[in-house]
């Protein structure tokens, strides 16, 4: 039996890196794809995978990724994404919005399009798109990101309809509050205080490993079982605007 293979985009940090590690622990050979070549090279060396420098918004990079993967693929985790800025619609930065749509929607489409033939060839492929609870609920200051992640959700739903007669499952995971090293920091353009405030008083937000564990469970179900969507939050987050925060002493 051939070694199962997986592609994880955005594998240089956070949920992507954690997912690559979890899949490798399950016996997958993981193609770790991200723009930061040094980071994915280090990760691939750690888990016995293959590092691929890939900007998912670049058709040339995505074609090169598909060539490295070859004719057969078992799992694709479309994790590359990101939030840039938190301005109201009336003062939004159009370039930030374009970047979010490019990576969360266009990039997902390019990678999926390039790798679907290999997924079909496996006889039981899985596409796992990493969405967000922001793809289900709007909130002030989040219109650009919520619009992009709503796009991720709708692409997932449409793809499932279009591939209904093919041996490929289409799943989406929608995490809520996840504390990673970079997500909030990038969103607030390196402002550590603003990034820390997102999680202020929340004792146990989700971790990248929590989400990676769920992703690994989803993609390793029997071939006839499709987890259409899984919403995962920390217990402290009852809803987008309802988060239990413990006041700090002093």
C-alpha atoms as a PDB file:
ATOM      1  CA  UNK A   1       0.000   0.000   0.000  1.00  0.00           C
ATOM      2  CA  UNK A   2       1.511   3.380  -0.979  1.00  0.00           C
ATOM      3  CA  UNK A   3       2.273   5.939   1.714  1.00  0.00           C
ATOM      4  CA  UNK A   4      -0.597   8.365   2.111  1.00  0.00           C
ATOM      5  CA  UNK A   5       0.265  11.898   1.036  1.00  0.00           C
ATOM      6  CA  UNK A   6      -1.022  15.281   2.135  1.00  0.00           C
ATOM      7  CA  UNK A   7      -0.506  18.886   1.129  1.00  0.00           C
ATOM      8  CA  UNK A   8      -0.815  21.585   3.787  1.00  0.00           C
ATOM      9  CA  UNK A   9      -0.694  25.195   2.621  1.00  0.00           C
ATOM     10  CA  UNK A  10       0.295  27.981   4.978  1.00  0.00           C
ATOM     11  CA  UNK A  11       2.446  25.408   6.774  1.00  0.00           C
ATOM     12  CA  UNK A  12       5.112  27.804   8.025  1.00  0.00           C
ATOM     13  CA  UNK A  13       3.399  28.532  11.350  1.00  0.00           C
ATOM     14  CA  UNK A  14       0.271  28.220  13.459  1.00  0.00           C
ATOM     15  CA  UNK A  15      -2.500  25.843  12.421  1.00  0.00           C
ATOM     16  CA  UNK A  16      -0.699  24.857   9.225  1.00  0.00           C
ATOM     17  CA  UNK A  17       2.511  23.776  10.944  1.00  0.00           C
ATOM     18  CA  UNK A  18       0.570  21.957  13.670  1.00  0.00           C
ATOM     19  CA  UNK A  19      -1.537  20.157  11.060  1.00  0.00           C
ATOM     20  CA  UNK A  20       1.557  19.032   9.165  1.00  0.00           C
ATOM     21  CA  UNK A  21       2.961  17.566  12.387  1.00  0.00           C
ATOM     22  CA  UNK A  22      -0.292  15.794  13.272  1.00  0.00           C
ATOM     23  CA  UNK A  23      -0.703  14.303   9.794  1.00  0.00           C
ATOM     24  CA  UNK A  24       2.905  13.122   9.781  1.00  0.00           C
ATOM     25  CA  UNK A  25       2.264  11.418  13.130  1.00  0.00           C
ATOM     26  CA  UNK A  26      -0.620   9.580  11.433  1.00  0.00           C
ATOM     27  CA  UNK A  27       1.730   8.255   8.776  1.00  0.00           C
ATOM     28  CA  UNK A  28       1.245  10.807   5.991  1.00  0.00           C
ATOM     29  CA  UNK A  29       4.068  12.136   3.869  1.00  0.00           C
ATOM     30  CA  UNK A  30       3.330  15.848   4.065  1.00  0.00           C
ATOM     31  CA  UNK A  31       4.153  18.453   1.438  1.00  0.00           C
ATOM     32  CA  UNK A  32       4.628  21.563   3.574  1.00  0.00           C
ATOM     33  CA  UNK A  33       3.811  24.554   1.391  1.00  0.00           C
ATOM     34  CA  UNK A  34       4.285  28.210   2.321  1.00  0.00           C
ATOM     35  CA  UNK A  35       5.981  31.396   1.173  1.00  0.00           C
ATOM     36  CA  UNK A  36       8.650  31.270   3.890  1.00  0.00           C
ATOM     37  CA  UNK A  37      10.943  28.603   2.505  1.00  0.00           C
ATOM     38  CA  UNK A  38      13.294  28.500   5.484  1.00  0.00           C
ATOM     39  CA  UNK A  39      10.465  27.726   7.891  1.00  0.00           C
ATOM     40  CA  UNK A  40       8.872  24.967   5.835  1.00  0.00           C
ATOM     41  CA  UNK A  41      12.309  23.469   5.168  1.00  0.00           C
ATOM     42  CA  UNK A  42      12.885  23.215   8.908  1.00  0.00           C
ATOM     43  CA  UNK A  43       9.409  21.739   9.463  1.00  0.00           C
ATOM     44  CA  UNK A  44       9.776  19.220   6.635  1.00  0.00           C
ATOM     45  CA  UNK A  45      13.120  18.083   8.019  1.00  0.00           C
ATOM     46  CA  UNK A  46      11.529  17.617  11.444  1.00  0.00           C
ATOM     47  CA  UNK A  47       8.616  15.465  10.212  1.00  0.00           C
ATOM     48  CA  UNK A  48      10.212  13.741   7.226  1.00  0.00           C
ATOM     49  CA  UNK A  49       8.102  15.667   4.725  1.00  0.00           C
ATOM     50  CA  UNK A  50       8.789  17.750   1.637  1.00  0.00           C
ATOM     51  CA  UNK A  51       9.154  21.534   1.723  1.00  0.00           C
ATOM     52  CA  UNK A  52       7.708  23.530  -1.154  1.00  0.00           C
ATOM     53  CA  UNK A  53       7.972  27.291  -1.428  1.00  0.00           C
ATOM     54  CA  UNK A  54       4.523  28.371  -2.586  1.00  0.00           C
ATOM     55  CA  UNK A  55       2.573  31.603  -2.610  1.00  0.00           C
ATOM     56  CA  UNK A  56      -0.957  30.314  -3.163  1.00  0.00           C
ATOM     57  CA  UNK A  57      -1.934  33.496  -5.014  1.00  0.00           C
ATOM     58  CA  UNK A  58       0.709  32.781  -7.675  1.00  0.00           C
ATOM     59  CA  UNK A  59      -0.464  30.466 -10.472  1.00  0.00           C
ATOM     60  CA  UNK A  60       3.159  29.637 -11.317  1.00  0.00           C
ATOM     61  CA  UNK A  61       3.943  28.658  -7.698  1.00  0.00           C
ATOM     62  CA  UNK A  62       0.796  26.540  -7.500  1.00  0.00           C
ATOM     63  CA  UNK A  63       1.631  24.763 -10.760  1.00  0.00           C
ATOM     64  CA  UNK A  64       5.099  24.011  -9.372  1.00  0.00           C
ATOM     65  CA  UNK A  65       3.509  22.626  -6.195  1.00  0.00           C
ATOM     66  CA  UNK A  66       1.281  20.310  -8.243  1.00  0.00           C
ATOM     67  CA  UNK A  67       4.314  19.114 -10.196  1.00  0.00           C
ATOM     68  CA  UNK A  68       6.156  18.295  -6.943  1.00  0.00           C
ATOM     69  CA  UNK A  69       3.165  16.391  -5.586  1.00  0.00           C
ATOM     70  CA  UNK A  70       2.798  14.253  -8.704  1.00  0.00           C
ATOM     71  CA  UNK A  71      -0.154  12.284 -10.048  1.00  0.00           C
ATOM     72  CA  UNK A  72      -1.674  11.091  -6.762  1.00  0.00           C
ATOM     73  CA  UNK A  73      -2.690  12.867  -3.547  1.00  0.00           C
ATOM     74  CA  UNK A  74      -4.806  11.736  -0.597  1.00  0.00           C
ATOM     75  CA  UNK A  75      -5.417  14.930   1.384  1.00  0.00           C
ATOM     76  CA  UNK A  76      -5.335  18.656   0.656  1.00  0.00           C
ATOM     77  CA  UNK A  77      -5.560  21.064   3.579  1.00  0.00           C
ATOM     78  CA  UNK A  78      -6.201  24.568   2.249  1.00  0.00           C
ATOM     79  CA  UNK A  79      -4.990  26.420   5.325  1.00  0.00           C
ATOM     80  CA  UNK A  80      -3.246  29.467   3.818  1.00  0.00           C
ATOM     81  CA  UNK A  81      -5.194  32.565   4.754  1.00  0.00           C
ATOM     82  CA  UNK A  82      -5.076  35.620   6.923  1.00  0.00           C
ATOM     83  CA  UNK A  83      -6.723  38.760   8.233  1.00  0.00           C
ATOM     84  CA  UNK A  84      -5.277  42.183   7.508  1.00  0.00           C
ATOM     85  CA  UNK A  85      -6.595  45.198   9.376  1.00  0.00           C
ATOM     86  CA  UNK A  86      -9.715  45.736  11.462  1.00  0.00           C
ATOM     87  CA  UNK A  87     -11.112  49.007  10.105  1.00  0.00           C
ATOM     88  CA  UNK A  88     -14.805  49.807   9.671  1.00  0.00           C
ATOM     89  CA  UNK A  89     -16.126  49.593   6.115  1.00  0.00           C
ATOM     90  CA  UNK A  90     -16.219  53.387   5.865  1.00  0.00           C
ATOM     91  CA  UNK A  91     -12.467  53.657   6.498  1.00  0.00           C
ATOM     92  CA  UNK A  92     -11.329  50.331   5.047  1.00  0.00           C
ATOM     93  CA  UNK A  93      -8.101  49.889   3.112  1.00  0.00           C
ATOM     94  CA  UNK A  94      -8.914  48.458  -0.315  1.00  0.00           C
ATOM     95  CA  UNK A  95      -5.486  46.824  -0.597  1.00  0.00           C
ATOM     96  CA  UNK A  96      -6.047  44.941   2.674  1.00  0.00           C
ATOM     97  CA  UNK A  97      -9.388  43.696   1.367  1.00  0.00           C
ATOM     98  CA  UNK A  98      -7.819  42.569  -1.918  1.00  0.00           C
ATOM     99  CA  UNK A  99      -5.064  40.698  -0.057  1.00  0.00           C
ATOM    100  CA  UNK A 100      -7.621  38.909   2.101  1.00  0.00           C
ATOM    101  CA  UNK A 101      -9.754  37.890  -0.871  1.00  0.00           C
ATOM    102  CA  UNK A 102      -6.706  36.810  -2.860  1.00  0.00           C
ATOM    103  CA  UNK A 103      -5.329  34.480  -0.200  1.00  0.00           C
ATOM    104  CA  UNK A 104      -8.562  33.198   1.396  1.00  0.00           C
ATOM    105  CA  UNK A 105     -10.557  32.674  -1.806  1.00  0.00           C
ATOM    106  CA  UNK A 106      -8.516  32.973  -5.012  1.00  0.00           C
ATOM    107  CA  UNK A 107      -5.546  31.096  -3.553  1.00  0.00           C
ATOM    108  CA  UNK A 108      -7.822  28.333  -2.290  1.00  0.00           C
ATOM    109  CA  UNK A 109      -9.335  28.038  -5.770  1.00  0.00           C
ATOM    110  CA  UNK A 110      -5.955  27.917  -7.532  1.00  0.00           C
ATOM    111  CA  UNK A 111      -4.564  25.185  -5.275  1.00  0.00           C
ATOM    112  CA  UNK A 112      -7.752  23.135  -5.394  1.00  0.00           C
ATOM    113  CA  UNK A 113      -7.986  23.395  -9.171  1.00  0.00           C
ATOM    114  CA  UNK A 114      -4.387  22.279  -9.591  1.00  0.00           C
ATOM    115  CA  UNK A 115      -4.616  19.294  -7.220  1.00  0.00           C
ATOM    116  CA  UNK A 116      -8.113  17.894  -7.829  1.00  0.00           C
ATOM    117  CA  UNK A 117      -6.892  15.503 -10.557  1.00  0.00           C
ATOM    118  CA  UNK A 118      -4.385  13.963  -8.117  1.00  0.00           C
ATOM    119  CA  UNK A 119      -7.056  13.747  -5.410  1.00  0.00           C
ATOM    120  CA  UNK A 120      -9.432  11.963  -7.783  1.00  0.00           C
ATOM    121  CA  UNK A 121      -6.624   9.608  -8.813  1.00  0.00           C
ATOM    122  CA  UNK A 122      -6.205   8.499  -5.187  1.00  0.00           C
ATOM    123  CA  UNK A 123      -9.704   7.024  -5.254  1.00  0.00           C
ATOM    124  CA  UNK A 124     -10.606   8.573  -1.900  1.00  0.00           C
ATOM    125  CA  UNK A 125      -9.294  12.130  -1.757  1.00  0.00           C
ATOM    126  CA  UNK A 126     -10.173  14.749   0.845  1.00  0.00           C
ATOM    127  CA  UNK A 127     -10.183  18.531   0.519  1.00  0.00           C
ATOM    128  CA  UNK A 128     -10.222  20.253   3.906  1.00  0.00           C
ATOM    129  CA  UNK A 129     -10.701  24.025   3.775  1.00  0.00           C
ATOM    130  CA  UNK A 130      -9.828  26.029   6.866  1.00  0.00           C
ATOM    131  CA  UNK A 131     -12.552  28.603   7.271  1.00  0.00           C
ATOM    132  CA  UNK A 132     -13.528  30.522  10.388  1.00  0.00           C
ATOM    133  CA  UNK A 133     -16.489  31.395  12.565  1.00  0.00           C
ATOM    134  CA  UNK A 134     -15.969  34.774  10.870  1.00  0.00           C
ATOM    135  CA  UNK A 135     -17.350  33.024   7.794  1.00  0.00           C
ATOM    136  CA  UNK A 136     -20.676  32.684   9.583  1.00  0.00           C
ATOM    137  CA  UNK A 137     -21.106  35.751  11.788  1.00  0.00           C
ATOM    138  CA  UNK A 138     -20.415  39.422  11.015  1.00  0.00           C
ATOM    139  CA  UNK A 139     -18.794  41.733  13.533  1.00  0.00           C
ATOM    140  CA  UNK A 140     -17.748  45.367  13.620  1.00  0.00           C
ATOM    141  CA  UNK A 141     -14.347  46.026  12.110  1.00  0.00           C
ATOM    142  CA  UNK A 142     -14.244  42.636  10.466  1.00  0.00           C
ATOM    143  CA  UNK A 143     -16.069  43.124   7.176  1.00  0.00           C
ATOM    144  CA  UNK A 144     -13.094  42.425   4.917  1.00  0.00           C
ATOM    145  CA  UNK A 145     -12.140  39.243   6.745  1.00  0.00           C
ATOM    146  CA  UNK A 146     -15.699  38.023   7.272  1.00  0.00           C
ATOM    147  CA  UNK A 147     -16.450  38.600   3.590  1.00  0.00           C
ATOM    148  CA  UNK A 148     -13.378  36.579   2.601  1.00  0.00           C
ATOM    149  CA  UNK A 149     -14.158  33.743   5.014  1.00  0.00           C
ATOM    150  CA  UNK A 150     -17.798  33.671   3.922  1.00  0.00           C
ATOM    151  CA  UNK A 151     -16.222  33.167   0.493  1.00  0.00           C
ATOM    152  CA  UNK A 152     -14.242  30.191   1.806  1.00  0.00           C
ATOM    153  CA  UNK A 153     -17.448  28.648   3.134  1.00  0.00           C
ATOM    154  CA  UNK A 154     -19.404  29.144  -0.089  1.00  0.00           C
ATOM    155  CA  UNK A 155     -16.575  27.806  -2.253  1.00  0.00           C
ATOM    156  CA  UNK A 156     -16.528  24.705  -0.034  1.00  0.00           C
ATOM    157  CA  UNK A 157     -20.283  24.205  -0.396  1.00  0.00           C
ATOM    158  CA  UNK A 158     -20.159  24.717  -4.159  1.00  0.00           C
ATOM    159  CA  UNK A 159     -17.203  22.393  -4.626  1.00  0.00           C
ATOM    160  CA  UNK A 160     -19.023  19.634  -2.737  1.00  0.00           C
ATOM    161  CA  UNK A 161     -21.934  19.956  -5.169  1.00  0.00           C
ATOM    162  CA  UNK A 162     -19.663  19.988  -8.203  1.00  0.00           C
ATOM    163  CA  UNK A 163     -17.630  16.941  -7.109  1.00  0.00           C
ATOM    164  CA  UNK A 164     -20.612  14.910  -5.856  1.00  0.00           C
ATOM    165  CA  UNK A 165     -19.948  12.083  -8.339  1.00  0.00           C
ATOM    166  CA  UNK A 166     -16.173  11.985  -7.784  1.00  0.00           C
ATOM    167  CA  UNK A 167     -14.232  10.069  -5.096  1.00  0.00           C
ATOM    168  CA  UNK A 168     -13.348  13.288  -3.274  1.00  0.00           C
ATOM    169  CA  UNK A 169     -14.807  14.571  -0.018  1.00  0.00           C
ATOM    170  CA  UNK A 170     -14.999  18.302   0.684  1.00  0.00           C
ATOM    171  CA  UNK A 171     -14.872  19.429   4.315  1.00  0.00           C
ATOM    172  CA  UNK A 172     -14.563  22.747   6.106  1.00  0.00           C
ATOM    173  CA  UNK A 173     -13.427  23.496   9.626  1.00  0.00           C
ATOM    174  CA  UNK A 174     -14.472  26.826  11.154  1.00  0.00           C
ATOM    175  CA  UNK A 175     -12.395  27.667  14.234  1.00  0.00           C
ATOM    176  CA  UNK A 176     -13.369  30.385  16.661  1.00  0.00           C
ATOM    177  CA  UNK A 177     -10.851  31.996  18.996  1.00  0.00           C
ATOM    178  CA  UNK A 178      -7.454  30.396  18.372  1.00  0.00           C
ATOM    179  CA  UNK A 179      -4.314  31.837  19.920  1.00  0.00           C
ATOM    180  CA  UNK A 180      -1.313  31.417  17.613  1.00  0.00           C
ATOM    181  CA  UNK A 181       1.990  33.258  17.449  1.00  0.00           C
ATOM    182  CA  UNK A 182       1.163  35.358  14.417  1.00  0.00           C
ATOM    183  CA  UNK A 183      -2.515  35.648  13.424  1.00  0.00           C
ATOM    184  CA  UNK A 184      -3.574  38.622  15.561  1.00  0.00           C
ATOM    185  CA  UNK A 185      -0.126  40.217  15.355  1.00  0.00           C
ATOM    186  CA  UNK A 186      -0.290  40.260  11.551  1.00  0.00           C
ATOM    187  CA  UNK A 187      -3.846  41.542  11.618  1.00  0.00           C
ATOM    188  CA  UNK A 188      -2.847  44.524  13.739  1.00  0.00           C
ATOM    189  CA  UNK A 189       0.308  45.231  11.733  1.00  0.00           C
ATOM    190  CA  UNK A 190       2.699  44.134  14.454  1.00  0.00           C
ATOM    191  CA  UNK A 191       0.986  45.951  17.336  1.00  0.00           C
ATOM    192  CA  UNK A 192       1.604  43.492  20.181  1.00  0.00           C
ATOM    193  CA  UNK A 193      -0.720  45.300  22.625  1.00  0.00           C
ATOM    194  CA  UNK A 194      -3.679  45.105  20.239  1.00  0.00           C
ATOM    195  CA  UNK A 195      -2.909  41.485  19.447  1.00  0.00           C
ATOM    196  CA  UNK A 196      -2.743  40.575  23.140  1.00  0.00           C
ATOM    197  CA  UNK A 197      -6.035  42.400  23.836  1.00  0.00           C
ATOM    198  CA  UNK A 198      -7.914  39.924  21.619  1.00  0.00           C
ATOM    199  CA  UNK A 199      -7.217  37.178  24.161  1.00  0.00           C
ATOM    200  CA  UNK A 200      -7.185  39.349  27.295  1.00  0.00           C
ATOM    201  CA  UNK A 201      -8.669  37.478  30.236  1.00  0.00           C
ATOM    202  CA  UNK A 202      -9.382  34.319  28.220  1.00  0.00           C
ATOM    203  CA  UNK A 203      -7.616  31.593  30.165  1.00  0.00           C
ATOM    204  CA  UNK A 204      -7.853  28.888  27.539  1.00  0.00           C
ATOM    205  CA  UNK A 205      -8.415  29.910  23.920  1.00  0.00           C
ATOM    206  CA  UNK A 206      -7.989  27.170  21.349  1.00  0.00           C
ATOM    207  CA  UNK A 207      -4.461  26.313  20.308  1.00  0.00           C
ATOM    208  CA  UNK A 208      -3.149  25.403  16.872  1.00  0.00           C
ATOM    209  CA  UNK A 209      -2.816  21.819  18.101  1.00  0.00           C
ATOM    210  CA  UNK A 210      -6.505  21.719  19.054  1.00  0.00           C
ATOM    211  CA  UNK A 211      -7.496  22.643  15.513  1.00  0.00           C
ATOM    212  CA  UNK A 212      -4.904  20.362  13.928  1.00  0.00           C
ATOM    213  CA  UNK A 213      -6.209  17.454  15.999  1.00  0.00           C
ATOM    214  CA  UNK A 214      -9.737  18.112  14.708  1.00  0.00           C
ATOM    215  CA  UNK A 215      -8.525  18.441  11.105  1.00  0.00           C
ATOM    216  CA  UNK A 216      -6.679  15.140  11.355  1.00  0.00           C
ATOM    217  CA  UNK A 217      -9.810  13.429  12.704  1.00  0.00           C
ATOM    218  CA  UNK A 218     -11.911  14.866   9.858  1.00  0.00           C
ATOM    219  CA  UNK A 219      -9.627  13.722   7.050  1.00  0.00           C
ATOM    220  CA  UNK A 220      -9.105  10.238   8.479  1.00  0.00           C
ATOM    221  CA  UNK A 221     -12.779   9.234   8.649  1.00  0.00           C
ATOM    222  CA  UNK A 222     -13.810   6.270   6.457  1.00  0.00           C
ATOM    223  CA  UNK A 223     -14.014   7.186   2.775  1.00  0.00           C
ATOM    224  CA  UNK A 224     -17.823   7.161   2.744  1.00  0.00           C
ATOM    225  CA  UNK A 225     -18.059   9.626   5.662  1.00  0.00           C
ATOM    226  CA  UNK A 226     -17.981  13.357   4.856  1.00  0.00           C
ATOM    227  CA  UNK A 227     -17.719  15.917   7.664  1.00  0.00           C
ATOM    228  CA  UNK A 228     -19.318  18.792   5.764  1.00  0.00           C
ATOM    229  CA  UNK A 229     -18.405  21.374   8.355  1.00  0.00           C
ATOM    230  CA  UNK A 230     -17.128  21.467  11.897  1.00  0.00           C
ATOM    231  CA  UNK A 231     -17.344  24.599  14.066  1.00  0.00           C
ATOM    232  CA  UNK A 232     -14.826  24.506  16.905  1.00  0.00           C
ATOM    233  CA  UNK A 233     -14.527  27.080  19.679  1.00  0.00           C
ATOM    234  CA  UNK A 234     -12.989  27.277  23.140  1.00  0.00           C
ATOM    235  CA  UNK A 235     -15.499  26.695  25.935  1.00  0.00           C
ATOM    236  CA  UNK A 236     -15.047  30.346  26.957  1.00  0.00           C
ATOM    237  CA  UNK A 237     -16.449  31.548  23.623  1.00  0.00           C
ATOM    238  CA  UNK A 238     -20.180  30.931  23.514  1.00  0.00           C
ATOM    239  CA  UNK A 239     -20.549  33.098  20.403  1.00  0.00           C
ATOM    240  CA  UNK A 240     -18.597  35.652  18.418  1.00  0.00           C
ATOM    241  CA  UNK A 241     -19.508  38.441  20.867  1.00  0.00           C
ATOM    242  CA  UNK A 242     -19.960  36.303  23.994  1.00  0.00           C
ATOM    243  CA  UNK A 243     -16.583  35.497  25.506  1.00  0.00           C
ATOM    244  CA  UNK A 244     -15.920  34.770  29.176  1.00  0.00           C
ATOM    245  CA  UNK A 245     -13.019  36.951  30.304  1.00  0.00           C
ATOM    246  CA  UNK A 246     -11.550  36.797  33.799  1.00  0.00           C
ATOM    247  CA  UNK A 247     -10.516  40.162  35.196  1.00  0.00           C
ATOM    248  CA  UNK A 248      -6.837  40.298  36.076  1.00  0.00           C
ATOM    249  CA  UNK A 249      -5.894  41.205  39.642  1.00  0.00           C
ATOM    250  CA  UNK A 250      -4.415  44.652  40.051  1.00  0.00           C
END
